[in-house]
PDB file of N, CA and C in Angstrom:
ATOM      1  N   UNK A   1      10.593  17.351   1.544  1.00  0.00           N
ATOM      2  CA  UNK A   1       9.309  17.944   1.749  1.00  0.00           C
ATOM      3  C   UNK A   1       9.250  18.474   3.179  1.00  0.00           C
ATOM      4  N   UNK A   2       9.042  19.771   3.296  1.00  0.00           N
ATOM      5  CA  UNK A   2       8.922  20.389   4.611  1.00  0.00           C
ATOM      6  C   UNK A   2       7.449  20.417   5.014  1.00  0.00           C
ATOM      7  N   UNK A   3       7.199  20.050   6.269  1.00  0.00           N
ATOM      8  CA  UNK A   3       5.825  19.968   6.757  1.00  0.00           C
ATOM      9  C   UNK A   3       5.677  20.769   8.032  1.00  0.00           C
ATOM     10  N   UNK A   4       4.429  21.128   8.326  1.00  0.00           N
ATOM     11  CA  UNK A   4       4.133  21.753   9.610  1.00  0.00           C
ATOM     12  C   UNK A   4       2.909  21.070  10.201  1.00  0.00           C
ATOM     13  N   UNK A   5       2.802  21.136  11.509  1.00  0.00           N
ATOM     14  CA  UNK A   5       1.657  20.540  12.180  1.00  0.00           C
ATOM     15  C   UNK A   5       0.447  21.434  11.924  1.00  0.00           C
ATOM     16  N   UNK A   6      -0.572  20.844  11.345  1.00  0.00           N
ATOM     17  CA  UNK A   6      -1.821  21.577  11.105  1.00  0.00           C
ATOM     18  C   UNK A   6      -2.695  21.524  12.341  1.00  0.00           C
ATOM     19  N   UNK A   7      -2.731  20.349  13.005  1.00  0.00           N
ATOM     20  CA  UNK A   7      -3.552  20.230  14.199  1.00  0.00           C
ATOM     21  C   UNK A   7      -3.355  18.915  14.911  1.00  0.00           C
ATOM     22  N   UNK A   8      -3.765  18.921  16.174  1.00  0.00           N
ATOM     23  CA  UNK A   8      -3.755  17.726  17.017  1.00  0.00           C
ATOM     24  C   UNK A   8      -5.208  17.467  17.394  1.00  0.00           C
ATOM     25  N   UNK A   9      -5.664  16.245  17.172  1.00  0.00           N
ATOM     26  CA  UNK A   9      -7.085  15.931  17.323  1.00  0.00           C
ATOM     27  C   UNK A   9      -7.302  14.790  18.300  1.00  0.00           C
ATOM     28  N   UNK A  10      -8.402  14.882  19.027  1.00  0.00           N
ATOM     29  CA  UNK A  10      -8.748  13.871  20.024  1.00  0.00           C
ATOM     30  C   UNK A  10      -9.387  12.637  19.405  1.00  0.00           C
ATOM     31  N   UNK A  11      -9.936  12.781  18.207  1.00  0.00           N
ATOM     32  CA  UNK A  11     -10.645  11.648  17.611  1.00  0.00           C
ATOM     33  C   UNK A  11     -10.380  11.591  16.106  1.00  0.00           C
ATOM     34  N   UNK A  12     -10.640  10.421  15.564  1.00  0.00           N
ATOM     35  CA  UNK A  12     -10.500  10.225  14.125  1.00  0.00           C
ATOM     36  C   UNK A  12     -11.470  11.123  13.371  1.00  0.00           C
ATOM     37  N   UNK A  13     -12.664  11.320  13.913  1.00  0.00           N
ATOM     38  CA  UNK A  13     -13.655  12.174  13.250  1.00  0.00           C
ATOM     39  C   UNK A  13     -13.152  13.607  13.145  1.00  0.00           C
ATOM     40  N   UNK A  14     -12.570  14.121  14.218  1.00  0.00           N
ATOM     41  CA  UNK A  14     -12.043  15.485  14.186  1.00  0.00           C
ATOM     42  C   UNK A  14     -10.927  15.614  13.144  1.00  0.00           C
ATOM     43  N   UNK A  15     -10.027  14.650  13.106  1.00  0.00           N
ATOM     44  CA  UNK A  15      -8.928  14.682  12.138  1.00  0.00           C
ATOM     45  C   UNK A  15      -9.460  14.575  10.708  1.00  0.00           C
ATOM     46  N   UNK A  16     -10.413  13.688  10.507  1.00  0.00           N
ATOM     47  CA  UNK A  16     -11.013  13.516   9.190  1.00  0.00           C
ATOM     48  C   UNK A  16     -11.728  14.783   8.743  1.00  0.00           C
ATOM     49  N   UNK A  17     -12.459  15.418   9.647  1.00  0.00           N
ATOM     50  CA  UNK A  17     -13.157  16.669   9.316  1.00  0.00           C
ATOM     51  C   UNK A  17     -12.165  17.760   8.920  1.00  0.00           C
ATOM     52  N   UNK A  18     -11.043  17.849   9.645  1.00  0.00           N
ATOM     53  CA  UNK A  18     -10.030  18.854   9.329  1.00  0.00           C
ATOM     54  C   UNK A  18      -9.432  18.608   7.947  1.00  0.00           C
ATOM     55  N   UNK A  19      -9.120  17.345   7.652  1.00  0.00           N
ATOM     56  CA  UNK A  19      -8.558  17.009   6.340  1.00  0.00           C
ATOM     57  C   UNK A  19      -9.566  17.318   5.238  1.00  0.00           C
ATOM     58  N   UNK A  20     -10.822  16.966   5.457  1.00  0.00           N
ATOM     59  CA  UNK A  20     -11.846  17.225   4.443  1.00  0.00           C
ATOM     60  C   UNK A  20     -12.031  18.715   4.190  1.00  0.00           C
ATOM     61  N   UNK A  21     -11.947  19.536   5.224  1.00  0.00           N
ATOM     62  CA  UNK A  21     -12.054  20.990   5.039  1.00  0.00           C
ATOM     63  C   UNK A  21     -10.898  21.514   4.203  1.00  0.00           C
ATOM     64  N   UNK A  22      -9.698  21.000   4.461  1.00  0.00           N
ATOM     65  CA  UNK A  22      -8.546  21.417   3.661  1.00  0.00           C
ATOM     66  C   UNK A  22      -8.689  20.953   2.217  1.00  0.00           C
ATOM     67  N   UNK A  23      -9.201  19.744   2.015  1.00  0.00           N
ATOM     68  CA  UNK A  23      -9.409  19.240   0.657  1.00  0.00           C
ATOM     69  C   UNK A  23     -10.435  20.099  -0.078  1.00  0.00           C
ATOM     70  N   UNK A  24     -11.460  20.568   0.646  1.00  0.00           N
ATOM     71  CA  UNK A  24     -12.456  21.459   0.041  1.00  0.00           C
ATOM     72  C   UNK A  24     -11.825  22.781  -0.391  1.00  0.00           C
ATOM     73  N   UNK A  25     -10.753  23.181   0.299  1.00  0.00           N
ATOM     74  CA  UNK A  25     -10.043  24.416  -0.043  1.00  0.00           C
ATOM     75  C   UNK A  25      -9.001  24.187  -1.130  1.00  0.00           C
ATOM     76  N   UNK A  26      -8.929  22.967  -1.654  1.00  0.00           N
ATOM     77  CA  UNK A  26      -8.056  22.696  -2.788  1.00  0.00           C
ATOM     78  C   UNK A  26      -6.783  21.925  -2.479  1.00  0.00           C
ATOM     79  N   UNK A  27      -6.585  21.530  -1.231  1.00  0.00           N
ATOM     80  CA  UNK A  27      -5.403  20.743  -0.898  1.00  0.00           C
ATOM     81  C   UNK A  27      -5.552  19.329  -1.449  1.00  0.00           C
ATOM     82  N   UNK A  28      -4.449  18.790  -1.970  1.00  0.00           N
ATOM     83  CA  UNK A  28      -4.434  17.420  -2.469  1.00  0.00           C
ATOM     84  C   UNK A  28      -4.093  16.469  -1.326  1.00  0.00           C
ATOM     85  N   UNK A  29      -4.529  15.210  -1.420  1.00  0.00           N
ATOM     86  CA  UNK A  29      -4.270  14.239  -0.355  1.00  0.00           C
ATOM     87  C   UNK A  29      -2.793  13.982  -0.131  1.00  0.00           C
ATOM     88  N   UNK A  30      -1.984  14.128  -1.160  1.00  0.00           N
ATOM     89  CA  UNK A  30      -0.566  13.796  -1.010  1.00  0.00           C
ATOM     90  C   UNK A  30       0.209  14.824  -0.195  1.00  0.00           C
ATOM     91  N   UNK A  31      -0.416  15.896   0.277  1.00  0.00           N
ATOM     92  CA  UNK A  31       0.280  16.885   1.109  1.00  0.00           C
ATOM     93  C   UNK A  31       0.096  16.612   2.596  1.00  0.00           C
ATOM     94  N   UNK A  32      -0.701  15.613   2.945  1.00  0.00           N
ATOM     95  CA  UNK A  32      -0.991  15.314   4.348  1.00  0.00           C
ATOM     96  C   UNK A  32      -0.161  14.149   4.868  1.00  0.00           C
ATOM     97  N   UNK A  33       0.220  14.233   6.121  1.00  0.00           N
ATOM     98  CA  UNK A  33       0.746  13.102   6.861  1.00  0.00           C
ATOM     99  C   UNK A  33      -0.101  12.992   8.114  1.00  0.00           C
ATOM    100  N   UNK A  34      -0.618  11.812   8.369  1.00  0.00           N
ATOM    101  CA  UNK A  34      -1.440  11.549   9.547  1.00  0.00           C
ATOM    102  C   UNK A  34      -0.662  10.625  10.466  1.00  0.00           C
ATOM    103  N   UNK A  35      -0.499  11.040  11.715  1.00  0.00           N
ATOM    104  CA  UNK A  35       0.275  10.260  12.681  1.00  0.00           C
ATOM    105  C   UNK A  35      -0.618   9.911  13.857  1.00  0.00           C
ATOM    106  N   UNK A  36      -0.631   8.641  14.227  1.00  0.00           N
ATOM    107  CA  UNK A  36      -1.430   8.179  15.365  1.00  0.00           C
ATOM    108  C   UNK A  36      -0.670   7.082  16.093  1.00  0.00           C
ATOM    109  N   UNK A  37      -1.107   6.788  17.287  1.00  0.00           N
ATOM    110  CA  UNK A  37      -0.446   5.757  18.085  1.00  0.00           C
ATOM    111  C   UNK A  37      -0.702   4.367  17.514  1.00  0.00           C
ATOM    112  N   UNK A  38      -1.933   4.085  17.137  1.00  0.00           N
ATOM    113  CA  UNK A  38      -2.323   2.752  16.680  1.00  0.00           C
ATOM    114  C   UNK A  38      -3.020   2.827  15.336  1.00  0.00           C
ATOM    115  N   UNK A  39      -2.924   1.766  14.579  1.00  0.00           N
ATOM    116  CA  UNK A  39      -3.586   1.688  13.276  1.00  0.00           C
ATOM    117  C   UNK A  39      -5.081   1.963  13.376  1.00  0.00           C
ATOM    118  N   UNK A  40      -5.731   1.400  14.379  1.00  0.00           N
ATOM    119  CA  UNK A  40      -7.176   1.567  14.477  1.00  0.00           C
ATOM    120  C   UNK A  40      -7.578   3.011  14.734  1.00  0.00           C
ATOM    121  N   UNK A  41      -6.638   3.846  15.204  1.00  0.00           N
ATOM    122  CA  UNK A  41      -6.934   5.259  15.432  1.00  0.00           C
ATOM    123  C   UNK A  41      -7.112   6.010  14.125  1.00  0.00           C
ATOM    124  N   UNK A  42      -6.596   5.467  13.048  1.00  0.00           N
ATOM    125  CA  UNK A  42      -6.691   6.148  11.759  1.00  0.00           C
ATOM    126  C   UNK A  42      -7.487   5.335  10.747  1.00  0.00           C
ATOM    127  N   UNK A  43      -8.403   4.540  11.232  1.00  0.00           N
ATOM    128  CA  UNK A  43      -9.205   3.716  10.336  1.00  0.00           C
ATOM    129  C   UNK A  43     -10.265   4.511   9.592  1.00  0.00           C
ATOM    130  N   UNK A  44     -10.343   5.825   9.844  1.00  0.00           N
ATOM    131  CA  UNK A  44     -11.266   6.673   9.105  1.00  0.00           C
ATOM    132  C   UNK A  44     -10.807   6.882   7.675  1.00  0.00           C
ATOM    133  N   UNK A  45      -9.550   6.584   7.391  1.00  0.00           N
ATOM    134  CA  UNK A  45      -9.023   6.755   6.044  1.00  0.00           C
ATOM    135  C   UNK A  45      -9.461   5.605   5.160  1.00  0.00           C
ATOM    136  N   UNK A  46      -9.804   5.924   3.953  1.00  0.00           N
ATOM    137  CA  UNK A  46     -10.165   4.913   2.969  1.00  0.00           C
ATOM    138  C   UNK A  46      -8.893   4.198   2.534  1.00  0.00           C
ATOM    139  N   UNK A  47      -8.902   2.891   2.582  1.00  0.00           N
ATOM    140  CA  UNK A  47      -7.706   2.106   2.236  1.00  0.00           C
ATOM    141  C   UNK A  47      -7.195   2.436   0.837  1.00  0.00           C
ATOM    142  N   UNK A  48      -8.084   2.791  -0.071  1.00  0.00           N
ATOM    143  CA  UNK A  48      -7.662   3.127  -1.423  1.00  0.00           C
ATOM    144  C   UNK A  48      -6.925   4.460  -1.489  1.00  0.00           C
ATOM    145  N   UNK A  49      -7.150   5.339  -0.490  1.00  0.00           N
ATOM    146  CA  UNK A  49      -6.533   6.661  -0.488  1.00  0.00           C
ATOM    147  C   UNK A  49      -5.165   6.683   0.177  1.00  0.00           C
ATOM    148  N   UNK A  50      -4.853   5.692   1.002  1.00  0.00           N
ATOM    149  CA  UNK A  50      -3.635   5.771   1.798  1.00  0.00           C
ATOM    150  C   UNK A  50      -2.345   5.838   0.994  1.00  0.00           C
ATOM    151  N   UNK A  51      -2.238   5.246  -0.208  1.00  0.00           N
ATOM    152  CA  UNK A  51      -0.988   5.425  -0.941  1.00  0.00           C
ATOM    153  C   UNK A  51      -0.743   6.882  -1.330  1.00  0.00           C
ATOM    154  N   UNK A  52      -1.816   7.700  -1.420  1.00  0.00           N
ATOM    155  CA  UNK A  52      -1.685   9.109  -1.758  1.00  0.00           C
ATOM    156  C   UNK A  52      -1.406   9.959  -0.526  1.00  0.00           C
ATOM    157  N   UNK A  53      -1.777   9.479   0.629  1.00  0.00           N
ATOM    158  CA  UNK A  53      -1.616  10.205   1.882  1.00  0.00           C
ATOM    159  C   UNK A  53      -0.605   9.459   2.734  1.00  0.00           C
ATOM    160  N   UNK A  54       0.284  10.178   3.391  1.00  0.00           N
ATOM    161  CA  UNK A  54       1.289   9.543   4.244  1.00  0.00           C
ATOM    162  C   UNK A  54       0.639   9.213   5.583  1.00  0.00           C
ATOM    163  N   UNK A  55       0.720   7.966   5.972  1.00  0.00           N
ATOM    164  CA  UNK A  55       0.084   7.493   7.197  1.00  0.00           C
ATOM    165  C   UNK A  55       1.126   6.785   8.042  1.00  0.00           C
ATOM    166  N   UNK A  56       1.196   7.160   9.308  1.00  0.00           N
ATOM    167  CA  UNK A  56       2.183   6.572  10.200  1.00  0.00           C
ATOM    168  C   UNK A  56       1.512   6.192  11.503  1.00  0.00           C
ATOM    169  N   UNK A  57       1.724   4.964  11.947  1.00  0.00           N
ATOM    170  CA  UNK A  57       1.238   4.514  13.253  1.00  0.00           C
ATOM    171  C   UNK A  57       2.453   4.202  14.121  1.00  0.00           C
ATOM    172  N   UNK A  58       2.455   4.737  15.331  1.00  0.00           N
ATOM    173  CA  UNK A  58       3.567   4.490  16.240  1.00  0.00           C
ATOM    174  C   UNK A  58       3.647   3.020  16.622  1.00  0.00           C
ATOM    175  N   UNK A  59       2.510   2.380  16.768  1.00  0.00           N
ATOM    176  CA  UNK A  59       2.451   0.957  17.114  1.00  0.00           C
ATOM    177  C   UNK A  59       1.552   0.286  16.092  1.00  0.00           C
ATOM    178  N   UNK A  60       2.127  -0.572  15.266  1.00  0.00           N
ATOM    179  CA  UNK A  60       1.314  -1.260  14.271  1.00  0.00           C
ATOM    180  C   UNK A  60       1.366  -2.754  14.503  1.00  0.00           C
ATOM    181  N   UNK A  61       0.309  -3.415  14.099  1.00  0.00           N
ATOM    182  CA  UNK A  61       0.262  -4.869  14.190  1.00  0.00           C
ATOM    183  C   UNK A  61       1.167  -5.459  13.124  1.00  0.00           C
ATOM    184  N   UNK A  62       1.628  -6.660  13.360  1.00  0.00           N
ATOM    185  CA  UNK A  62       2.478  -7.340  12.389  1.00  0.00           C
ATOM    186  C   UNK A  62       1.670  -7.890  11.219  1.00  0.00           C
ATOM    187  N   UNK A  63       0.366  -8.063  11.393  1.00  0.00           N
ATOM    188  CA  UNK A  63      -0.450  -8.622  10.308  1.00  0.00           C
ATOM    189  C   UNK A  63      -0.627  -7.590   9.192  1.00  0.00           C
ATOM    190  N   UNK A  64      -0.971  -8.070   8.019  1.00  0.00           N
ATOM    191  CA  UNK A  64      -1.185  -7.193   6.891  1.00  0.00           C
ATOM    192  C   UNK A  64      -2.346  -6.258   7.172  1.00  0.00           C
ATOM    193  N   UNK A  65      -2.188  -5.026   6.741  1.00  0.00           N
ATOM    194  CA  UNK A  65      -3.245  -4.024   6.922  1.00  0.00           C
ATOM    195  C   UNK A  65      -3.099  -2.978   5.842  1.00  0.00           C
ATOM    196  N   UNK A  66      -4.004  -2.022   5.844  1.00  0.00           N
ATOM    197  CA  UNK A  66      -3.910  -0.951   4.851  1.00  0.00           C
ATOM    198  C   UNK A  66      -2.654  -0.120   5.058  1.00  0.00           C
ATOM    199  N   UNK A  67      -2.105  -0.111   6.249  1.00  0.00           N
ATOM    200  CA  UNK A  67      -0.880   0.653   6.487  1.00  0.00           C
ATOM    201  C   UNK A  67       0.306   0.066   5.739  1.00  0.00           C
ATOM    202  N   UNK A  68       0.231  -1.225   5.405  1.00  0.00           N
ATOM    203  CA  UNK A  68       1.305  -1.831   4.626  1.00  0.00           C
ATOM    204  C   UNK A  68       1.428  -1.165   3.266  1.00  0.00           C
ATOM    205  N   UNK A  69       0.331  -0.601   2.772  1.00  0.00           N
ATOM    206  CA  UNK A  69       0.332   0.068   1.483  1.00  0.00           C
ATOM    207  C   UNK A  69       0.749   1.532   1.587  1.00  0.00           C
ATOM    208  N   UNK A  70       0.697   2.073   2.781  1.00  0.00           N
ATOM    209  CA  UNK A  70       0.953   3.502   2.975  1.00  0.00           C
ATOM    210  C   UNK A  70       2.431   3.826   2.885  1.00  0.00           C
ATOM    211  N   UNK A  71       2.727   5.031   2.523  1.00  0.00           N
ATOM    212  CA  UNK A  71       4.110   5.483   2.562  1.00  0.00           C
ATOM    213  C   UNK A  71       4.505   5.628   4.022  1.00  0.00           C
ATOM    214  N   UNK A  72       5.684   5.207   4.354  1.00  0.00           N
ATOM    215  CA  UNK A  72       6.154   5.317   5.725  1.00  0.00           C
ATOM    216  C   UNK A  72       7.444   6.117   5.728  1.00  0.00           C
ATOM    217  N   UNK A  73       7.429   7.185   6.435  1.00  0.00           N
ATOM    218  CA  UNK A  73       8.612   8.031   6.510  1.00  0.00           C
ATOM    219  C   UNK A  73       9.521   7.671   7.676  1.00  0.00           C
ATOM    220  N   UNK A  74       8.989   7.001   8.676  1.00  0.00           N
ATOM    221  CA  UNK A  74       9.756   6.786   9.890  1.00  0.00           C
ATOM    222  C   UNK A  74       9.867   5.300  10.160  1.00  0.00           C
ATOM    223  N   UNK A  75      11.074   4.801  10.341  1.00  0.00           N
ATOM    224  CA  UNK A  75      11.246   3.390  10.653  1.00  0.00           C
ATOM    225  C   UNK A  75      10.854   3.110  12.103  1.00  0.00           C
ATOM    226  N   UNK A  76      11.169   4.006  12.997  1.00  0.00           N
ATOM    227  CA  UNK A  76      10.797   3.870  14.401  1.00  0.00           C
ATOM    228  C   UNK A  76      10.229   5.201  14.833  1.00  0.00           C
ATOM    229  N   UNK A  77       8.923   5.337  14.722  1.00  0.00           N
ATOM    230  CA  UNK A  77       8.257   6.621  14.907  1.00  0.00           C
ATOM    231  C   UNK A  77       8.555   7.243  16.269  1.00  0.00           C
ATOM    232  N   UNK A  78       8.628   6.441  17.298  1.00  0.00           N
ATOM    233  CA  UNK A  78       8.842   7.006  18.628  1.00  0.00           C
ATOM    234  C   UNK A  78      10.212   7.655  18.748  1.00  0.00           C
ATOM    235  N   UNK A  79      11.219   7.101  18.078  1.00  0.00           N
ATOM    236  CA  UNK A  79      12.562   7.656  18.156  1.00  0.00           C
ATOM    237  C   UNK A  79      12.781   8.805  17.192  1.00  0.00           C
ATOM    238  N   UNK A  80      12.032   8.879  16.114  1.00  0.00           N
ATOM    239  CA  UNK A  80      12.315   9.855  15.080  1.00  0.00           C
ATOM    240  C   UNK A  80      11.261  10.932  14.895  1.00  0.00           C
ATOM    241  N   UNK A  81      10.099  10.811  15.484  1.00  0.00           N
ATOM    242  CA  UNK A  81       9.054  11.809  15.283  1.00  0.00           C
ATOM    243  C   UNK A  81       9.502  13.171  15.785  1.00  0.00           C
ATOM    244  N   UNK A  82      10.064  13.229  16.978  1.00  0.00           N
ATOM    245  CA  UNK A  82      10.483  14.534  17.503  1.00  0.00           C
ATOM    246  C   UNK A  82      11.551  15.167  16.613  1.00  0.00           C
ATOM    247  N   UNK A  83      12.490  14.359  16.127  1.00  0.00           N
ATOM    248  CA  UNK A  83      13.528  14.871  15.235  1.00  0.00           C
ATOM    249  C   UNK A  83      12.928  15.389  13.934  1.00  0.00           C
ATOM    250  N   UNK A  84      11.987  14.639  13.372  1.00  0.00           N
ATOM    251  CA  UNK A  84      11.318  15.056  12.141  1.00  0.00           C
ATOM    252  C   UNK A  84      10.609  16.389  12.354  1.00  0.00           C
ATOM    253  N   UNK A  85       9.906  16.525  13.465  1.00  0.00           N
ATOM    254  CA  UNK A  85       9.179  17.760  13.743  1.00  0.00           C
ATOM    255  C   UNK A  85      10.129  18.942  13.932  1.00  0.00           C
ATOM    256  N   UNK A  86      11.230  18.714  14.633  1.00  0.00           N
ATOM    257  CA  UNK A  86      12.213  19.797  14.833  1.00  0.00           C
ATOM    258  C   UNK A  86      12.862  20.200  13.515  1.00  0.00           C
ATOM    259  N   UNK A  87      13.102  19.243  12.627  1.00  0.00           N
ATOM    260  CA  UNK A  87      13.666  19.555  11.314  1.00  0.00           C
ATOM    261  C   UNK A  87      12.695  20.354  10.459  1.00  0.00           C
ATOM    262  N   UNK A  88      11.413  20.352  10.847  1.00  0.00           N
ATOM    263  CA  UNK A  88      10.387  21.086  10.111  1.00  0.00           C
ATOM    264  C   UNK A  88       9.900  22.311  10.880  1.00  0.00           C
ATOM    265  N   UNK A  89      10.722  22.805  11.811  1.00  0.00           N
ATOM    266  CA  UNK A  89      10.429  24.082  12.442  1.00  0.00           C
ATOM    267  C   UNK A  89       9.863  24.054  13.848  1.00  0.00           C
ATOM    268  N   UNK A  90       9.528  22.893  14.380  1.00  0.00           N
ATOM    269  CA  UNK A  90       9.008  22.829  15.749  1.00  0.00           C
ATOM    270  C   UNK A  90      10.172  22.963  16.730  1.00  0.00           C
ATOM    271  N   UNK A  91       9.914  23.634  17.847  1.00  0.00           N
ATOM    272  CA  UNK A  91      10.932  23.698  18.893  1.00  0.00           C
ATOM    273  C   UNK A  91      11.030  22.326  19.558  1.00  0.00           C
ATOM    274  N   UNK A  92      12.084  22.111  20.337  1.00  0.00           N
ATOM    275  CA  UNK A  92      12.238  20.838  21.048  1.00  0.00           C
ATOM    276  C   UNK A  92      11.046  20.603  21.973  1.00  0.00           C
ATOM    277  N   UNK A  93      10.595  21.657  22.661  1.00  0.00           N
ATOM    278  CA  UNK A  93       9.442  21.540  23.552  1.00  0.00           C
ATOM    279  C   UNK A  93       8.168  21.175  22.806  1.00  0.00           C
ATOM    280  N   UNK A  94       7.939  21.821  21.652  1.00  0.00           N
ATOM    281  CA  UNK A  94       6.760  21.503  20.844  1.00  0.00           C
ATOM    282  C   UNK A  94       6.826  20.067  20.349  1.00  0.00           C
ATOM    283  N   UNK A  95       7.985  19.669  19.851  1.00  0.00           N
ATOM    284  CA  UNK A  95       8.150  18.309  19.338  1.00  0.00           C
ATOM    285  C   UNK A  95       7.883  17.283  20.430  1.00  0.00           C
ATOM    286  N   UNK A  96       8.427  17.513  21.620  1.00  0.00           N
ATOM    287  CA  UNK A  96       8.191  16.588  22.736  1.00  0.00           C
ATOM    288  C   UNK A  96       6.712  16.522  23.101  1.00  0.00           C
ATOM    289  N   UNK A  97       6.040  17.659  23.063  1.00  0.00           N
ATOM    290  CA  UNK A  97       4.606  17.683  23.375  1.00  0.00           C
ATOM    291  C   UNK A  97       3.813  16.893  22.321  1.00  0.00           C
ATOM    292  N   UNK A  98       4.178  17.024  21.044  1.00  0.00           N
ATOM    293  CA  UNK A  98       3.482  16.266  19.991  1.00  0.00           C
ATOM    294  C   UNK A  98       3.698  14.766  20.161  1.00  0.00           C
ATOM    295  N   UNK A  99       4.913  14.362  20.515  1.00  0.00           N
ATOM    296  CA  UNK A  99       5.172  12.941  20.762  1.00  0.00           C
ATOM    297  C   UNK A  99       4.321  12.463  21.934  1.00  0.00           C
ATOM    298  N   UNK A 100       4.227  13.257  22.988  1.00  0.00           N
ATOM    299  CA  UNK A 100       3.372  12.901  24.129  1.00  0.00           C
ATOM    300  C   UNK A 100       1.911  12.811  23.710  1.00  0.00           C
ATOM    301  N   UNK A 101       1.477  13.727  22.826  1.00  0.00           N
ATOM    302  CA  UNK A 101       0.096  13.685  22.330  1.00  0.00           C
ATOM    303  C   UNK A 101      -0.183  12.372  21.604  1.00  0.00           C
ATOM    304  N   UNK A 102       0.755  11.943  20.743  1.00  0.00           N
ATOM    305  CA  UNK A 102       0.572  10.684  20.016  1.00  0.00           C
ATOM    306  C   UNK A 102       0.512   9.523  20.997  1.00  0.00           C
ATOM    307  N   UNK A 103       1.419   9.507  21.957  1.00  0.00           N
ATOM    308  CA  UNK A 103       1.426   8.428  22.945  1.00  0.00           C
ATOM    309  C   UNK A 103       0.143   8.426  23.787  1.00  0.00           C
ATOM    310  N   UNK A 104      -0.498   9.589  23.930  1.00  0.00           N
ATOM    311  CA  UNK A 104      -1.749   9.689  24.686  1.00  0.00           C
ATOM    312  C   UNK A 104      -2.966   9.329  23.835  1.00  0.00           C
ATOM    313  N   UNK A 105      -2.737   8.986  22.559  1.00  0.00           N
ATOM    314  CA  UNK A 105      -3.836   8.548  21.705  1.00  0.00           C
ATOM    315  C   UNK A 105      -4.390   9.616  20.785  1.00  0.00           C
ATOM    316  N   UNK A 106      -3.774  10.775  20.733  1.00  0.00           N
ATOM    317  CA  UNK A 106      -4.249  11.833  19.841  1.00  0.00           C
ATOM    318  C   UNK A 106      -3.718  11.590  18.427  1.00  0.00           C
ATOM    319  N   UNK A 107      -4.320  12.274  17.480  1.00  0.00           N
ATOM    320  CA  UNK A 107      -3.960  12.141  16.068  1.00  0.00           C
ATOM    321  C   UNK A 107      -3.403  13.481  15.600  1.00  0.00           C
ATOM    322  N   UNK A 108      -2.248  13.433  14.957  1.00  0.00           N
ATOM    323  CA  UNK A 108      -1.617  14.649  14.454  1.00  0.00           C
ATOM    324  C   UNK A 108      -1.743  14.670  12.935  1.00  0.00           C
ATOM    325  N   UNK A 109      -2.121  15.821  12.407  1.00  0.00           N
ATOM    326  CA  UNK A 109      -2.186  16.016  10.963  1.00  0.00           C
ATOM    327  C   UNK A 109      -1.119  17.041  10.596  1.00  0.00           C
ATOM    328  N   UNK A 110      -0.213  16.632   9.718  1.00  0.00           N
ATOM    329  CA  UNK A 110       0.814  17.534   9.179  1.00  0.00           C
ATOM    330  C   UNK A 110       0.458  17.862   7.745  1.00  0.00           C
ATOM    331  N   UNK A 111       0.826  19.067   7.323  1.00  0.00           N
ATOM    332  CA  UNK A 111       0.566  19.499   5.963  1.00  0.00           C
ATOM    333  C   UNK A 111       1.868  19.983   5.356  1.00  0.00           C
ATOM    334  N   UNK A 112       2.102  19.597   4.128  1.00  0.00           N
ATOM    335  CA  UNK A 112       3.299  20.026   3.425  1.00  0.00           C
ATOM    336  C   UNK A 112       3.258  21.533   3.246  1.00  0.00           C
ATOM    337  N   UNK A 113       4.371  22.196   3.551  1.00  0.00           N
ATOM    338  CA  UNK A 113       4.461  23.633   3.362  1.00  0.00           C
ATOM    339  C   UNK A 113       4.644  23.930   1.885  1.00  0.00           C
ATOM    340  N   UNK A 114       4.002  25.002   1.434  1.00  0.00           N
ATOM    341  CA  UNK A 114       4.179  25.405   0.034  1.00  0.00           C
ATOM    342  C   UNK A 114       5.561  26.001  -0.151  1.00  0.00           C
ATOM    343  N   UNK A 115       6.145  25.687  -1.274  1.00  0.00           N
ATOM    344  CA  UNK A 115       7.448  26.254  -1.603  1.00  0.00           C
ATOM    345  C   UNK A 115       7.247  27.665  -2.092  1.00  0.00           C
ATOM    346  N   UNK A 116       8.081  28.576  -1.588  1.00  0.00           N
ATOM    347  CA  UNK A 116       7.932  29.971  -2.009  1.00  0.00           C
ATOM    348  C   UNK A 116       8.892  30.335  -3.109  1.00  0.00           C
TER     349      UNK A 116
END
């Protein structure tokens, strides 16, 4: 599945609003990947929806949480996020900036690219 960065958001509300607008335009939840530094940064997601949406936290608690139910694409997000982004068309500079954004507490929303 090839993805592109749809947006980088300062807050969970901004990310949630962006996802909801895309859903209103007909996008399904399973085309989104939400990446944040901490689990609590993405608590705007309904726990029942997370198995349909890919959710990744760079730093997660060891205790059970809704993220345990989520699909996880990256075993070590900090080491592999930039590589994942570059494999999906981001330049090395863009990928590094997105990793810095996540480390700074921003939330990244990726959307699956349509197959042509």
